[in-house]
Amino acid sequence: QVQLVESGGGLVQPGGSLRLSCAASGSIFSINVMGWYRQAPGSQRELVARITSGGRTRYADSVKGRFTISRDNAKNTVYLQMNSLKPEDTAVYYCNAETVINYWGQGTQVTVSS
């Protein structure tokens, strides 16, 4: 019922920036919370940031001060601005939408390397 499409990933040098976008379609009015998760090879998926319908945000300690989650309600899109990127940020980043069940995007690869 909800489709999520991520974009904006790529290869960036340490210290660089990227902005990820997640466009939601379908039953968007049922979405309560949207967030970004990431999963590195051989690691568990972890929460990066989330934002509620009321605009409240939460960040992983590892990205506080560097990443910012935001949303554009008119475009049904959530963003993740990533600054001061580090090699340890390398992962597949997934968009998540919470309804009565959770929906996930296909993921977008972020690689931070010199």
Protein backbone atom coordinates (compact mmCIF):
# COMPACT_ATOMS: atom_id res chain seq x y z
CA GLN A 1 0.00 0.00 0.00
CA VAL A 2 3.01 2.27 0.52
CA GLN A 3 5.90 2.49 -1.88
CA LEU A 4 9.20 4.11 -0.97
CA VAL A 5 11.89 5.08 -3.44
CA GLU A 6 15.29 6.23 -2.22
CA SER A 7 17.76 8.28 -4.19
CA GLY A 8 20.88 10.36 -3.68
CA GLY A 9 23.41 7.75 -2.71
CA GLY A 10 26.82 7.51 -4.25
CA LEU A 11 30.55 7.64 -3.71
CA VAL A 12 31.97 10.49 -1.68
CA GLN A 13 35.31 11.25 -0.05
CA PRO A 14 35.66 11.48 3.72
CA GLY A 15 34.46 14.85 4.93
CA GLY A 16 32.07 15.20 2.03
CA SER A 17 28.30 15.47 1.97
CA LEU A 18 25.34 13.72 0.42
CA ARG A 19 21.60 14.23 0.61
CA LEU A 20 19.34 11.21 0.45
CA SER A 21 15.72 11.48 -0.60
CA CYS A 22 12.83 9.12 -0.02
CA ALA A 23 9.63 9.66 -1.95
CA ALA A 24 6.52 7.97 -0.60
CA SER A 25 3.49 7.03 -2.63
CA GLY A 26 0.35 4.99 -2.15
CA SER A 27 -1.50 5.15 1.16
CA ILE A 28 0.66 7.98 2.44
CA PHE A 29 -1.95 9.23 4.90
CA SER A 30 -1.46 6.08 6.95
CA ILE A 31 2.20 6.86 7.62
CA ASN A 32 2.95 7.85 11.20
CA VAL A 33 6.74 7.85 11.27
CA MET A 34 9.44 7.83 8.64
CA GLY A 35 13.06 7.08 9.16
CA TRP A 36 16.38 6.12 7.72
CA TYR A 37 18.21 2.93 8.58
CA ARG A 38 21.50 1.61 7.31
CA GLN A 39 23.16 -1.75 6.99
CA ALA A 40 26.83 -2.34 6.37
CA PRO A 41 28.08 -5.67 5.00
CA GLY A 42 28.08 -8.28 7.73
CA SER A 43 26.30 -5.97 10.17
CA GLN A 44 22.78 -5.60 11.48
CA ARG A 45 20.49 -2.92 10.22
CA GLU A 46 20.57 0.09 12.52
CA LEU A 47 18.51 3.21 12.98
CA VAL A 48 20.11 6.37 11.67
CA ALA A 49 17.33 8.90 12.13
CA ARG A 50 13.57 9.09 12.31
CA ILE A 51 10.93 11.80 12.18
CA THR A 52 7.34 11.68 13.37
CA SER A 53 4.29 13.20 11.76
CA GLY A 54 4.60 15.97 14.34
CA GLY A 55 8.18 16.73 13.36
CA ARG A 56 9.95 15.16 16.32
CA THR A 57 13.31 13.69 15.43
CA ARG A 58 15.69 11.11 16.81
CA TYR A 59 19.25 10.37 15.76
CA ALA A 60 21.77 7.67 16.39
CA ASP A 61 24.60 8.92 18.57
CA SER A 62 27.08 8.16 15.81
CA VAL A 63 25.50 10.70 13.45
CA LYS A 64 24.39 13.46 15.81
CA GLY A 65 25.71 16.82 14.70
CA ARG A 66 26.46 15.52 11.22
CA PHE A 67 23.15 14.25 9.82
CA THR A 68 19.80 16.02 9.63
CA ILE A 69 16.47 14.42 8.81
CA SER A 70 13.72 16.58 7.37
CA ARG A 71 10.56 16.29 5.38
CA ASP A 72 8.57 18.06 2.73
CA ASN A 73 4.94 17.21 3.33
CA ALA A 74 3.81 18.73 0.05
CA LYS A 75 6.12 16.40 -1.85
CA ASN A 76 5.60 13.41 0.46
CA THR A 77 9.35 13.18 0.73
CA VAL A 78 11.78 12.73 3.60
CA TYR A 79 15.43 13.72 3.35
CA LEU A 80 18.63 12.85 5.10
CA GLN A 81 21.35 15.47 4.82
CA MET A 82 24.67 13.83 5.60
CA ASN A 83 27.67 16.03 6.29
CA SER A 84 31.21 15.30 7.45
CA LEU A 85 30.91 11.78 6.15
CA LYS A 86 33.24 9.11 7.49
CA PRO A 87 34.26 5.75 6.04
CA GLU A 88 32.26 4.05 8.78
CA ASP A 89 29.12 5.64 7.32
CA THR A 90 29.47 3.33 4.33
CA ALA A 91 26.32 1.22 4.09
CA VAL A 92 23.12 0.68 2.22
CA TYR A 93 20.64 3.24 3.47
CA TYR A 94 16.99 2.25 3.65
CA CYS A 95 13.94 4.44 3.99
CA ASN A 96 11.29 3.21 6.40
CA ALA A 97 7.65 4.14 6.83
CA GLU A 98 5.61 3.01 9.82
CA THR A 99 1.92 2.26 9.48
CA VAL A 100 0.14 -0.75 10.96
CA ILE A 101 3.08 -2.53 9.37
CA ASN A 102 6.52 -1.32 8.30
CA TYR A 103 7.42 -0.53 4.71
CA TRP A 104 10.92 -0.37 3.31
CA GLY A 105 12.52 1.09 0.26
CA GLN A 106 14.95 -0.80 -1.92
CA GLY A 107 17.95 0.97 -0.43
CA THR A 108 20.57 3.30 -1.80
CA GLN A 109 24.30 2.69 -1.51
CA VAL A 110 26.47 5.24 0.26
CA THR A 111 30.20 4.69 0.01
CA VAL A 112 32.65 6.96 1.81
CA SER A 113 36.17 6.31 0.63
CA SER A 114 39.29 8.08 -0.51
